[in-house]
Amino acid sequence: MPLYLRKKVENKAEIAVWHVTESESELRDMLSVPTDELEEIDLLGSESLRRQRLAVRALLNEVFEDKMYLSHYDNGKPYLENCVTNISITHTEKYVAIIIHDEDDLGIDIESLDRDFSAVEKVALSEDEIDDLDEDTKNEQLAIYWCAKEAIFKRMSQLKVDFAEQIEVEKFRPKGKGELEATFIHKDGHEDEFDLGYMTFDRHVLVWVAE
């Protein structure tokens, strides 16, 4: 079974990553999926998205001894119906990942570096962040910026967040793996500071916040 990675990170949170190599039918054959969740998956028009959702279930079955019942709040945030553990989920065509912690809120995001992230500069970066871009590593930097802001967005679980104005990531240079510092600025001016971790592998970047 293609469990790609499972490790403890900051604050005793745990990350697990599944390499999606199976077909949709292979995943269905190998999994026991709760009826409500399977009905949601069947409604998805994209085979790729169905595979990704089934791979998330495979990952949950691998990480938890008991069967977990996955659901979502109205804002899309996932939660486990029968467990107090907090969870954040992310997926691409090739990988799905989760981060879990028994107490703290979390955020995680993964993206393929084969995507063109040029639009991120226009819609999600502040002027200072744009000034910090390096032409030699620009697409990778933009991918990390996007994943970091998405992870914080998931962690905060607020609607109508302006990524450029409300989430500021400190200057960094891609190193394959490392730490990031970021600030979330509430609409009333209050600021929350976060430390994030990131890693790149197989032309993908994974960023998480666990605090």
N, C-alpha and C. Protein backbone atom coordinates (compact mmCIF):
# COMPACT_ATOMS: atom_id res chain seq x y z
N MET A 1 0.85 -1.19 0.00
CA MET A 1 0.00 0.00 0.00
C MET A 1 0.89 1.24 0.00
N PRO A 2 0.58 2.21 -0.83
CA PRO A 2 1.51 3.32 -1.05
C PRO A 2 1.41 4.44 -0.01
N LEU A 3 1.65 4.10 1.24
CA LEU A 3 1.82 5.14 2.25
C LEU A 3 3.19 5.75 2.03
N TYR A 4 3.23 6.98 1.57
CA TYR A 4 4.49 7.61 1.17
C TYR A 4 5.25 8.14 2.37
N LEU A 5 4.54 8.69 3.34
CA LEU A 5 5.20 9.36 4.46
C LEU A 5 4.26 9.37 5.65
N ARG A 6 4.85 9.16 6.82
CA ARG A 6 4.11 9.33 8.08
C ARG A 6 5.12 9.78 9.13
N LYS A 7 4.89 10.97 9.69
CA LYS A 7 5.87 11.47 10.65
C LYS A 7 5.23 12.47 11.61
N LYS A 8 5.84 12.58 12.78
CA LYS A 8 5.45 13.57 13.75
C LYS A 8 6.14 14.89 13.42
N VAL A 9 5.41 15.98 13.61
CA VAL A 9 6.00 17.30 13.38
C VAL A 9 5.80 18.14 14.64
N GLU A 10 5.80 19.47 14.47
CA GLU A 10 5.75 20.35 15.63
C GLU A 10 4.51 20.06 16.48
N ASN A 11 4.69 20.26 17.78
CA ASN A 11 3.57 20.19 18.71
C ASN A 11 2.88 18.83 18.70
N LYS A 12 3.64 17.78 18.33
CA LYS A 12 3.14 16.40 18.33
C LYS A 12 2.03 16.16 17.31
N ALA A 13 1.89 17.06 16.37
CA ALA A 13 0.98 16.78 15.26
C ALA A 13 1.59 15.69 14.38
N GLU A 14 0.75 15.01 13.62
CA GLU A 14 1.22 13.94 12.75
C GLU A 14 0.76 14.18 11.32
N ILE A 15 1.68 14.01 10.39
CA ILE A 15 1.40 14.13 8.96
C ILE A 15 1.48 12.74 8.34
N ALA A 16 0.55 12.47 7.42
CA ALA A 16 0.61 11.25 6.63
C ALA A 16 0.30 11.60 5.18
N VAL A 17 1.05 10.97 4.27
CA VAL A 17 0.91 11.25 2.84
C VAL A 17 0.73 9.92 2.10
N TRP A 18 -0.24 9.89 1.20
CA TRP A 18 -0.53 8.70 0.39
C TRP A 18 -0.22 8.99 -1.07
N HIS A 19 0.54 8.10 -1.70
CA HIS A 19 0.84 8.22 -3.12
C HIS A 19 -0.28 7.52 -3.89
N VAL A 20 -1.02 8.28 -4.67
CA VAL A 20 -2.20 7.74 -5.35
C VAL A 20 -1.77 7.04 -6.64
N THR A 21 -1.55 5.74 -6.55
CA THR A 21 -1.16 4.93 -7.71
C THR A 21 -2.29 4.03 -8.18
N GLU A 22 -3.32 3.88 -7.35
CA GLU A 22 -4.40 2.95 -7.66
C GLU A 22 -5.44 3.61 -8.57
N SER A 23 -6.15 2.78 -9.31
CA SER A 23 -7.30 3.26 -10.08
C SER A 23 -8.48 3.44 -9.14
N GLU A 24 -9.51 4.09 -9.62
CA GLU A 24 -10.72 4.26 -8.80
C GLU A 24 -11.29 2.90 -8.40
N SER A 25 -11.36 1.97 -9.33
CA SER A 25 -11.93 0.66 -9.02
C SER A 25 -11.07 -0.10 -8.01
N GLU A 26 -9.74 0.03 -8.13
CA GLU A 26 -8.86 -0.65 -7.17
C GLU A 26 -9.05 -0.09 -5.76
N LEU A 27 -9.20 1.22 -5.66
CA LEU A 27 -9.43 1.83 -4.35
C LEU A 27 -10.77 1.38 -3.77
N ARG A 28 -11.78 1.33 -4.61
CA ARG A 28 -13.09 0.88 -4.12
C ARG A 28 -13.02 -0.56 -3.62
N ASP A 29 -12.29 -1.39 -4.32
CA ASP A 29 -12.19 -2.81 -3.94
C ASP A 29 -11.44 -3.00 -2.63
N MET A 30 -10.46 -2.14 -2.36
CA MET A 30 -9.62 -2.35 -1.18
C MET A 30 -10.15 -1.67 0.07
N LEU A 31 -11.19 -0.81 -0.09
CA LEU A 31 -11.63 0.02 1.03
C LEU A 31 -13.03 -0.35 1.50
N SER A 32 -13.24 -0.09 2.79
CA SER A 32 -14.58 -0.09 3.36
C SER A 32 -14.91 1.37 3.68
N VAL A 33 -15.83 1.95 2.89
CA VAL A 33 -16.14 3.37 3.00
C VAL A 33 -17.53 3.53 3.61
N PRO A 34 -17.67 4.36 4.66
CA PRO A 34 -19.00 4.61 5.22
C PRO A 34 -19.98 5.06 4.14
N THR A 35 -21.23 4.63 4.26
CA THR A 35 -22.23 4.85 3.21
C THR A 35 -22.40 6.33 2.87
N ASP A 36 -22.53 7.19 3.88
CA ASP A 36 -22.74 8.62 3.62
C ASP A 36 -21.57 9.21 2.83
N GLU A 37 -20.35 8.83 3.21
CA GLU A 37 -19.17 9.34 2.52
C GLU A 37 -19.11 8.84 1.09
N LEU A 38 -19.47 7.56 0.89
CA LEU A 38 -19.44 6.99 -0.46
C LEU A 38 -20.47 7.68 -1.36
N GLU A 39 -21.61 8.03 -0.80
CA GLU A 39 -22.63 8.73 -1.58
C GLU A 39 -22.12 10.10 -2.03
N GLU A 40 -21.39 10.79 -1.14
CA GLU A 40 -20.81 12.08 -1.51
C GLU A 40 -19.79 11.91 -2.63
N ILE A 41 -18.95 10.88 -2.53
CA ILE A 41 -17.92 10.62 -3.53
C ILE A 41 -18.57 10.31 -4.88
N ASP A 42 -19.64 9.52 -4.87
CA ASP A 42 -20.29 9.12 -6.12
C ASP A 42 -20.90 10.32 -6.85
N LEU A 43 -21.19 11.39 -6.12
CA LEU A 43 -21.77 12.58 -6.75
C LEU A 43 -20.74 13.41 -7.50
N LEU A 44 -19.46 13.15 -7.26
CA LEU A 44 -18.41 13.92 -7.92
C LEU A 44 -18.33 13.54 -9.39
N GLY A 45 -18.36 14.53 -10.25
CA GLY A 45 -18.35 14.26 -11.68
C GLY A 45 -16.98 13.89 -12.23
N SER A 46 -15.93 14.21 -11.51
CA SER A 46 -14.57 13.96 -11.98
C SER A 46 -14.02 12.66 -11.40
N GLU A 47 -13.53 11.79 -12.28
CA GLU A 47 -12.92 10.54 -11.81
C GLU A 47 -11.68 10.83 -10.96
N SER A 48 -10.93 11.85 -11.36
CA SER A 48 -9.73 12.22 -10.60
C SER A 48 -10.09 12.61 -9.17
N LEU A 49 -11.14 13.41 -9.00
CA LEU A 49 -11.55 13.81 -7.66
C LEU A 49 -12.07 12.63 -6.85
N ARG A 50 -12.76 11.71 -7.51
CA ARG A 50 -13.24 10.51 -6.80
C ARG A 50 -12.05 9.69 -6.31
N ARG A 51 -11.03 9.54 -7.16
CA ARG A 51 -9.82 8.81 -6.76
C ARG A 51 -9.16 9.49 -5.56
N GLN A 52 -9.07 10.81 -5.60
CA GLN A 52 -8.44 11.54 -4.51
C GLN A 52 -9.21 11.36 -3.20
N ARG A 53 -10.53 11.44 -3.27
CA ARG A 53 -11.34 11.28 -2.08
C ARG A 53 -11.23 9.85 -1.53
N LEU A 54 -11.19 8.88 -2.42
CA LEU A 54 -11.02 7.49 -1.98
C LEU A 54 -9.64 7.28 -1.38
N ALA A 55 -8.63 7.95 -1.93
CA ALA A 55 -7.29 7.84 -1.37
C ALA A 55 -7.22 8.47 0.02
N VAL A 56 -7.99 9.54 0.25
CA VAL A 56 -8.08 10.11 1.61
C VAL A 56 -8.63 9.05 2.56
N ARG A 57 -9.65 8.32 2.13
CA ARG A 57 -10.20 7.26 2.97
C ARG A 57 -9.16 6.18 3.22
N ALA A 58 -8.37 5.82 2.21
CA ALA A 58 -7.30 4.83 2.40
C ALA A 58 -6.31 5.31 3.45
N LEU A 59 -6.00 6.60 3.40
CA LEU A 59 -5.07 7.17 4.37
C LEU A 59 -5.65 7.15 5.78
N LEU A 60 -6.92 7.49 5.92
CA LEU A 60 -7.57 7.44 7.23
C LEU A 60 -7.56 6.02 7.78
N ASN A 61 -7.84 5.05 6.92
CA ASN A 61 -7.83 3.66 7.36
C ASN A 61 -6.44 3.21 7.79
N GLU A 62 -5.44 3.77 7.17
CA GLU A 62 -4.06 3.42 7.52
C GLU A 62 -3.63 4.04 8.84
N VAL A 63 -4.05 5.27 9.10
CA VAL A 63 -3.58 6.01 10.27
C VAL A 63 -4.35 5.65 11.53
N PHE A 64 -5.64 5.42 11.41
CA PHE A 64 -6.48 5.17 12.58
C PHE A 64 -6.81 3.68 12.69
N GLU A 65 -6.76 3.18 13.93
CA GLU A 65 -7.11 1.78 14.15
C GLU A 65 -8.61 1.55 13.96
N ASP A 66 -9.43 2.49 14.43
CA ASP A 66 -10.87 2.36 14.28
C ASP A 66 -11.32 3.07 13.01
N LYS A 67 -12.47 2.67 12.49
CA LYS A 67 -13.00 3.34 11.31
C LYS A 67 -13.44 4.75 11.69
N MET A 68 -12.96 5.73 10.93
CA MET A 68 -13.32 7.12 11.16
C MET A 68 -14.45 7.52 10.21
N TYR A 69 -15.33 8.38 10.70
CA TYR A 69 -16.43 8.88 9.90
C TYR A 69 -16.14 10.35 9.59
N LEU A 70 -15.85 10.58 8.32
CA LEU A 70 -15.41 11.91 7.88
C LEU A 70 -16.60 12.72 7.40
N SER A 71 -16.66 13.97 7.85
CA SER A 71 -17.70 14.88 7.40
C SER A 71 -17.11 16.27 7.25
N HIS A 72 -17.94 17.24 6.85
CA HIS A 72 -17.47 18.60 6.62
C HIS A 72 -18.47 19.61 7.17
N TYR A 73 -17.94 20.66 7.76
CA TYR A 73 -18.79 21.77 8.17
C TYR A 73 -19.28 22.53 6.93
N ASP A 74 -20.21 23.45 7.14
CA ASP A 74 -20.77 24.21 6.01
C ASP A 74 -19.70 25.00 5.26
N ASN A 75 -18.62 25.40 5.96
CA ASN A 75 -17.55 26.15 5.30
C ASN A 75 -16.53 25.25 4.60
N GLY A 76 -16.79 23.93 4.62
CA GLY A 76 -15.90 22.99 3.94
C GLY A 76 -14.84 22.37 4.82
N LYS A 77 -14.68 22.85 6.04
CA LYS A 77 -13.65 22.31 6.93
C LYS A 77 -14.00 20.87 7.32
N PRO A 78 -13.05 19.94 7.17
CA PRO A 78 -13.33 18.54 7.51
C PRO A 78 -13.27 18.30 9.01
N TYR A 79 -14.02 17.32 9.45
CA TYR A 79 -13.92 16.87 10.84
C TYR A 79 -14.29 15.40 10.92
N LEU A 80 -13.85 14.75 12.00
CA LEU A 80 -14.14 13.35 12.24
C LEU A 80 -15.32 13.26 13.20
N GLU A 81 -16.39 12.61 12.75
CA GLU A 81 -17.62 12.58 13.53
C GLU A 81 -17.47 11.83 14.84
N ASN A 82 -16.65 10.79 14.84
CA ASN A 82 -16.57 9.90 16.00
C ASN A 82 -15.23 9.99 16.72
N CYS A 83 -14.57 11.13 16.59
CA CYS A 83 -13.24 11.28 17.20
C CYS A 83 -12.98 12.76 17.46
N VAL A 84 -12.33 13.07 18.60
CA VAL A 84 -12.06 14.46 18.93
C VAL A 84 -10.83 15.00 18.21
N THR A 85 -10.09 14.14 17.53
CA THR A 85 -8.87 14.55 16.83
C THR A 85 -9.20 15.57 15.74
N ASN A 86 -8.45 16.67 15.72
CA ASN A 86 -8.59 17.67 14.66
C ASN A 86 -7.85 17.20 13.41
N ILE A 87 -8.37 17.57 12.26
CA ILE A 87 -7.79 17.10 11.00
C ILE A 87 -7.86 18.18 9.94
N SER A 88 -6.85 18.22 9.09
CA SER A 88 -6.86 19.02 7.87
C SER A 88 -6.42 18.11 6.73
N ILE A 89 -6.99 18.32 5.55
CA ILE A 89 -6.80 17.41 4.42
C ILE A 89 -6.43 18.22 3.18
N THR A 90 -5.60 17.63 2.33
CA THR A 90 -5.25 18.25 1.06
C THR A 90 -4.97 17.16 0.04
N HIS A 91 -5.15 17.46 -1.24
CA HIS A 91 -4.90 16.43 -2.25
C HIS A 91 -4.60 17.05 -3.61
N THR A 92 -3.80 16.29 -4.37
CA THR A 92 -3.54 16.57 -5.78
C THR A 92 -3.82 15.30 -6.56
N GLU A 93 -3.54 15.33 -7.86
CA GLU A 93 -3.73 14.15 -8.69
C GLU A 93 -2.91 12.97 -8.20
N LYS A 94 -1.70 13.23 -7.69
CA LYS A 94 -0.78 12.13 -7.34
C LYS A 94 -0.65 11.87 -5.84
N TYR A 95 -0.96 12.83 -5.00
CA TYR A 95 -0.77 12.66 -3.56
C TYR A 95 -1.95 13.24 -2.78
N VAL A 96 -2.27 12.57 -1.67
CA VAL A 96 -3.19 13.15 -0.68
C VAL A 96 -2.45 13.17 0.65
N ALA A 97 -2.78 14.14 1.49
CA ALA A 97 -2.09 14.28 2.77
C ALA A 97 -3.07 14.74 3.84
N ILE A 98 -2.81 14.32 5.06
CA ILE A 98 -3.58 14.79 6.21
C ILE A 98 -2.61 15.21 7.31
N ILE A 99 -3.07 16.08 8.19
CA ILE A 99 -2.36 16.39 9.42
C ILE A 99 -3.39 16.32 10.54
N ILE A 100 -3.00 15.70 11.67
CA ILE A 100 -3.93 15.49 12.77
C ILE A 100 -3.29 15.88 14.09
N HIS A 101 -4.13 16.31 15.01
CA HIS A 101 -3.70 16.63 16.37
C HIS A 101 -4.90 16.51 17.29
N ASP A 102 -4.68 16.02 18.50
CA ASP A 102 -5.79 15.78 19.41
C ASP A 102 -6.42 17.06 19.95
N GLU A 103 -5.68 18.17 19.92
CA GLU A 103 -6.20 19.39 20.53
C GLU A 103 -6.14 20.61 19.61
N ASP A 104 -5.03 20.80 18.92
CA ASP A 104 -4.81 22.06 18.21
C ASP A 104 -5.45 22.08 16.82
N ASP A 105 -5.85 23.28 16.39
CA ASP A 105 -6.32 23.46 15.02
C ASP A 105 -5.14 23.39 14.06
N LEU A 106 -5.42 22.99 12.83
CA LEU A 106 -4.37 22.65 11.89
C LEU A 106 -4.68 23.18 10.50
N GLY A 107 -3.65 23.17 9.66
CA GLY A 107 -3.84 23.47 8.25
C GLY A 107 -2.74 22.81 7.44
N ILE A 108 -3.09 22.30 6.26
CA ILE A 108 -2.09 21.67 5.40
C ILE A 108 -2.50 21.87 3.95
N ASP A 109 -1.50 22.01 3.08
CA ASP A 109 -1.81 22.16 1.66
C ASP A 109 -0.67 21.57 0.83
N ILE A 110 -1.03 20.96 -0.29
CA ILE A 110 -0.04 20.39 -1.20
C ILE A 110 -0.37 20.84 -2.62
N GLU A 111 0.69 21.08 -3.41
CA GLU A 111 0.52 21.48 -4.81
C GLU A 111 1.62 20.84 -5.64
N SER A 112 1.31 20.60 -6.91
CA SER A 112 2.30 20.10 -7.86
C SER A 112 3.11 21.27 -8.40
N LEU A 113 4.41 21.11 -8.42
CA LEU A 113 5.29 22.16 -8.95
C LEU A 113 5.26 22.21 -10.48
N ASP A 114 4.56 21.28 -11.10
CA ASP A 114 4.41 21.32 -12.55
C ASP A 114 3.32 22.30 -12.98
N ARG A 115 2.58 22.83 -12.02
CA ARG A 115 1.58 23.86 -12.32
C ARG A 115 2.26 25.22 -12.51
N ASP A 116 1.58 26.08 -13.25
CA ASP A 116 2.03 27.46 -13.41
C ASP A 116 1.36 28.30 -12.33
N PHE A 117 2.16 28.87 -11.43
CA PHE A 117 1.62 29.63 -10.31
C PHE A 117 1.71 31.14 -10.52
N SER A 118 1.88 31.57 -11.76
CA SER A 118 2.06 33.00 -12.01
C SER A 118 0.87 33.83 -11.54
N ALA A 119 -0.34 33.26 -11.58
CA ALA A 119 -1.52 34.01 -11.14
C ALA A 119 -1.48 34.33 -9.65
N VAL A 120 -0.76 33.52 -8.88
CA VAL A 120 -0.67 33.74 -7.43
C VAL A 120 -0.07 35.10 -7.13
N GLU A 121 0.91 35.50 -7.91
CA GLU A 121 1.56 36.80 -7.69
C GLU A 121 0.56 37.94 -7.75
N LYS A 122 -0.40 37.84 -8.64
CA LYS A 122 -1.35 38.93 -8.83
C LYS A 122 -2.47 38.93 -7.79
N VAL A 123 -2.90 37.75 -7.35
CA VAL A 123 -4.10 37.69 -6.51
C VAL A 123 -3.83 37.42 -5.04
N ALA A 124 -2.64 36.93 -4.68
CA ALA A 124 -2.44 36.46 -3.31
C ALA A 124 -1.23 37.04 -2.60
N LEU A 125 -0.38 37.80 -3.29
CA LEU A 125 0.85 38.30 -2.68
C LEU A 125 0.78 39.80 -2.43
N SER A 126 1.39 40.21 -1.31
CA SER A 126 1.53 41.63 -1.01
C SER A 126 2.69 42.21 -1.84
N GLU A 127 2.81 43.52 -1.82
CA GLU A 127 3.91 44.16 -2.56
C GLU A 127 5.26 43.72 -2.02
N ASP A 128 5.38 43.59 -0.69
CA ASP A 128 6.65 43.14 -0.10
C ASP A 128 6.98 41.72 -0.54
N GLU A 129 5.99 40.84 -0.58
CA GLU A 129 6.22 39.46 -0.99
C GLU A 129 6.63 39.40 -2.46
N ILE A 130 6.01 40.22 -3.28
CA ILE A 130 6.38 40.27 -4.71
C ILE A 130 7.83 40.74 -4.86
N ASP A 131 8.22 41.72 -4.08
CA ASP A 131 9.59 42.23 -4.14
C ASP A 131 10.61 41.17 -3.74
N ASP A 132 10.20 40.21 -2.92
CA ASP A 132 11.11 39.17 -2.44
C ASP A 132 11.27 38.00 -3.41
N LEU A 133 10.52 37.99 -4.50
CA LEU A 133 10.59 36.87 -5.45
C LEU A 133 11.94 36.86 -6.17
N ASP A 134 12.45 35.67 -6.39
CA ASP A 134 13.70 35.45 -7.13
C ASP A 134 13.36 34.81 -8.46
N GLU A 135 13.75 35.42 -9.56
CA GLU A 135 13.39 34.91 -10.88
C GLU A 135 13.84 33.48 -11.10
N ASP A 136 14.96 33.07 -10.48
CA ASP A 136 15.50 31.73 -10.70
C ASP A 136 14.63 30.65 -10.06
N THR A 137 13.91 30.99 -9.00
CA THR A 137 13.09 30.00 -8.29
C THR A 137 11.64 30.48 -8.15
N LYS A 138 11.23 31.34 -9.05
CA LYS A 138 9.97 32.06 -8.87
C LYS A 138 8.77 31.13 -8.78
N ASN A 139 8.62 30.16 -9.67
CA ASN A 139 7.43 29.31 -9.64
C ASN A 139 7.37 28.49 -8.35
N GLU A 140 8.53 27.99 -7.91
CA GLU A 140 8.55 27.24 -6.65
C GLU A 140 8.21 28.14 -5.47
N GLN A 141 8.75 29.34 -5.46
CA GLN A 141 8.41 30.28 -4.39
C GLN A 141 6.92 30.58 -4.37
N LEU A 142 6.36 30.82 -5.53
CA LEU A 142 4.93 31.12 -5.60
C LEU A 142 4.10 29.93 -5.10
N ALA A 143 4.53 28.72 -5.43
CA ALA A 143 3.82 27.53 -4.96
C ALA A 143 3.87 27.45 -3.43
N ILE A 144 5.04 27.74 -2.85
CA ILE A 144 5.17 27.69 -1.40
C ILE A 144 4.35 28.80 -0.75
N TYR A 145 4.41 29.99 -1.33
CA TYR A 145 3.56 31.07 -0.82
C TYR A 145 2.10 30.65 -0.79
N TRP A 146 1.64 30.09 -1.92
CA TRP A 146 0.23 29.71 -2.03
C TRP A 146 -0.13 28.63 -1.00
N CYS A 147 0.71 27.60 -0.90
CA CYS A 147 0.44 26.52 0.06
C CYS A 147 0.44 27.04 1.50
N ALA A 148 1.38 27.94 1.80
CA ALA A 148 1.45 28.50 3.15
C ALA A 148 0.18 29.28 3.48
N LYS A 149 -0.26 30.08 2.53
CA LYS A 149 -1.46 30.90 2.77
C LYS A 149 -2.71 30.02 2.84
N GLU A 150 -2.76 28.99 2.02
CA GLU A 150 -3.88 28.06 2.07
C GLU A 150 -3.90 27.32 3.41
N ALA A 151 -2.73 26.89 3.89
CA ALA A 151 -2.66 26.18 5.16
C ALA A 151 -3.14 27.07 6.31
N ILE A 152 -2.73 28.33 6.31
CA ILE A 152 -3.18 29.26 7.35
C ILE A 152 -4.67 29.54 7.20
N PHE A 153 -5.15 29.68 5.97
CA PHE A 153 -6.58 29.88 5.73
C PHE A 153 -7.39 28.73 6.31
N LYS A 154 -6.92 27.50 6.09
CA LYS A 154 -7.61 26.34 6.66
C LYS A 154 -7.53 26.35 8.18
N ARG A 155 -6.37 26.72 8.70
CA ARG A 155 -6.19 26.78 10.16
C ARG A 155 -7.13 27.78 10.80
N MET A 156 -7.31 28.94 10.18
CA MET A 156 -8.14 29.99 10.75
C MET A 156 -9.63 29.73 10.54
N SER A 157 -9.97 29.06 9.46
CA SER A 157 -11.36 28.68 9.18
C SER A 157 -12.29 29.89 9.18
N GLN A 158 -11.90 30.93 8.45
CA GLN A 158 -12.72 32.14 8.31
C GLN A 158 -13.10 32.34 6.86
N LEU A 159 -14.23 32.97 6.65
CA LEU A 159 -14.69 33.24 5.31
C LEU A 159 -14.14 34.58 4.80
N LYS A 160 -14.06 34.72 3.49
CA LYS A 160 -13.70 35.98 2.84
C LYS A 160 -12.38 36.56 3.36
N VAL A 161 -11.34 35.73 3.32
CA VAL A 161 -10.00 36.17 3.71
C VAL A 161 -9.27 36.70 2.47
N ASP A 162 -8.69 37.88 2.58
CA ASP A 162 -7.88 38.47 1.52
C ASP A 162 -6.44 37.97 1.69
N PHE A 163 -6.01 37.05 0.83
CA PHE A 163 -4.70 36.43 0.98
C PHE A 163 -3.57 37.45 0.92
N ALA A 164 -3.72 38.46 0.07
CA ALA A 164 -2.65 39.45 -0.10
C ALA A 164 -2.56 40.40 1.08
N GLU A 165 -3.70 40.76 1.64
CA GLU A 165 -3.74 41.75 2.71
C GLU A 165 -3.69 41.14 4.11
N GLN A 166 -4.22 39.94 4.28
CA GLN A 166 -4.39 39.39 5.62
C GLN A 166 -3.40 38.28 6.00
N ILE A 167 -2.71 37.72 5.01
CA ILE A 167 -1.73 36.67 5.32
C ILE A 167 -0.38 37.08 4.74
N GLU A 168 0.56 37.34 5.62
CA GLU A 168 1.89 37.82 5.21
C GLU A 168 2.93 36.78 5.57
N VAL A 169 3.66 36.29 4.56
CA VAL A 169 4.71 35.30 4.77
C VAL A 169 6.06 36.00 4.70
N GLU A 170 6.90 35.74 5.71
CA GLU A 170 8.22 36.37 5.75
C GLU A 170 9.11 35.86 4.62
N LYS A 171 10.07 36.68 4.23
CA LYS A 171 10.98 36.36 3.13
C LYS A 171 11.66 35.00 3.35
N PHE A 172 11.77 34.22 2.28
CA PHE A 172 12.41 32.91 2.35
C PHE A 172 13.00 32.57 0.98
N ARG A 173 13.87 31.58 0.95
CA ARG A 173 14.36 31.00 -0.28
C ARG A 173 14.14 29.49 -0.21
N PRO A 174 13.60 28.89 -1.26
CA PRO A 174 13.32 27.45 -1.23
C PRO A 174 14.58 26.64 -0.98
N LYS A 175 14.49 25.68 -0.04
CA LYS A 175 15.64 24.85 0.31
C LYS A 175 15.32 23.36 0.31
N GLY A 176 14.18 22.99 -0.25
CA GLY A 176 13.79 21.58 -0.23
C GLY A 176 12.94 21.24 0.98
N LYS A 177 13.33 21.78 2.14
CA LYS A 177 12.52 21.67 3.34
C LYS A 177 12.97 22.75 4.31
N GLY A 178 12.10 23.10 5.23
CA GLY A 178 12.47 24.14 6.18
C GLY A 178 11.28 24.69 6.92
N GLU A 179 11.45 25.89 7.45
CA GLU A 179 10.40 26.53 8.22
C GLU A 179 10.08 27.90 7.62
N LEU A 180 8.86 28.32 7.83
CA LEU A 180 8.38 29.63 7.37
C LEU A 180 7.76 30.36 8.55
N GLU A 181 7.80 31.68 8.49
CA GLU A 181 7.10 32.50 9.47
C GLU A 181 6.03 33.31 8.75
N ALA A 182 4.86 33.40 9.37
CA ALA A 182 3.76 34.11 8.72
C ALA A 182 2.89 34.78 9.77
N THR A 183 2.16 35.78 9.32
CA THR A 183 1.25 36.53 10.19
C THR A 183 -0.13 36.56 9.56
N PHE A 184 -1.15 36.28 10.37
CA PHE A 184 -2.52 36.44 9.94
C PHE A 184 -3.07 37.71 10.58
N ILE A 185 -3.55 38.63 9.75
CA ILE A 185 -4.04 39.92 10.23
C ILE A 185 -5.57 39.91 10.18
N HIS A 186 -6.18 39.92 11.35
CA HIS A 186 -7.64 39.94 11.42
C HIS A 186 -8.16 41.28 10.91
N LYS A 187 -9.43 41.32 10.54
CA LYS A 187 -10.01 42.54 9.99
C LYS A 187 -10.09 43.66 11.02
N ASP A 188 -10.01 43.31 12.32
CA ASP A 188 -9.98 44.35 13.35
C ASP A 188 -8.57 44.81 13.68
N GLY A 189 -7.56 44.27 12.95
CA GLY A 189 -6.18 44.67 13.14
C GLY A 189 -5.37 43.76 14.04
N HIS A 190 -6.04 42.88 14.78
CA HIS A 190 -5.31 41.93 15.63
C HIS A 190 -4.49 40.98 14.77
N GLU A 191 -3.30 40.62 15.25
CA GLU A 191 -2.41 39.76 14.48
C GLU A 191 -2.09 38.47 15.22
N ASP A 192 -2.09 37.36 14.48
CA ASP A 192 -1.65 36.06 14.99
C ASP A 192 -0.42 35.64 14.19
N GLU A 193 0.62 35.20 14.90
CA GLU A 193 1.84 34.77 14.23
C GLU A 193 1.92 33.25 14.21
N PHE A 194 2.45 32.72 13.11
CA PHE A 194 2.51 31.28 12.93
C PHE A 194 3.88 30.85 12.42
N ASP A 195 4.31 29.68 12.88
CA ASP A 195 5.47 28.99 12.31
C ASP A 195 4.94 27.83 11.49
N LEU A 196 5.42 27.72 10.26
CA LEU A 196 4.99 26.65 9.37
C LEU A 196 6.19 25.80 8.98
N GLY A 197 5.92 24.57 8.61
CA GLY A 197 6.94 23.70 8.05
C GLY A 197 6.63 23.42 6.60
N TYR A 198 7.66 23.15 5.81
CA TYR A 198 7.42 22.79 4.42
C TYR A 198 8.46 21.79 3.94
N MET A 199 8.10 21.04 2.91
CA MET A 199 9.03 20.11 2.28
C MET A 199 8.62 19.94 0.82
N THR A 200 9.60 19.66 -0.03
CA THR A 200 9.32 19.36 -1.43
C THR A 200 9.76 17.93 -1.71
N PHE A 201 8.97 17.27 -2.58
CA PHE A 201 9.29 15.89 -2.97
C PHE A 201 8.55 15.58 -4.26
N ASP A 202 9.20 14.85 -5.13
CA ASP A 202 8.57 14.38 -6.37
C ASP A 202 7.79 15.49 -7.08
N ARG A 203 8.41 16.64 -7.21
CA ARG A 203 7.80 17.78 -7.91
C ARG A 203 6.52 18.26 -7.22
N HIS A 204 6.45 18.11 -5.92
CA HIS A 204 5.34 18.61 -5.12
C HIS A 204 5.87 19.40 -3.93
N VAL A 205 5.08 20.34 -3.45
CA VAL A 205 5.43 21.05 -2.23
C VAL A 205 4.30 20.87 -1.23
N LEU A 206 4.67 20.59 0.02
CA LEU A 206 3.73 20.37 1.11
C LEU A 206 4.05 21.38 2.21
N VAL A 207 3.03 22.12 2.67
CA VAL A 207 3.21 23.10 3.73
C VAL A 207 2.15 22.85 4.80
N TRP A 208 2.56 23.01 6.06
CA TRP A 208 1.62 22.77 7.15
C TRP A 208 1.82 23.75 8.29
N VAL A 209 0.75 23.98 9.03
CA VAL A 209 0.80 24.76 10.25
C VAL A 209 0.11 23.94 11.33
N ALA A 210 0.77 23.79 12.48
CA ALA A 210 0.25 22.93 13.55
C ALA A 210 0.47 23.62 14.90
N GLU A 211 -0.38 24.60 15.19
CA GLU A 211 -0.26 25.28 16.49
C GLU A 211 -1.55 26.00 16.78
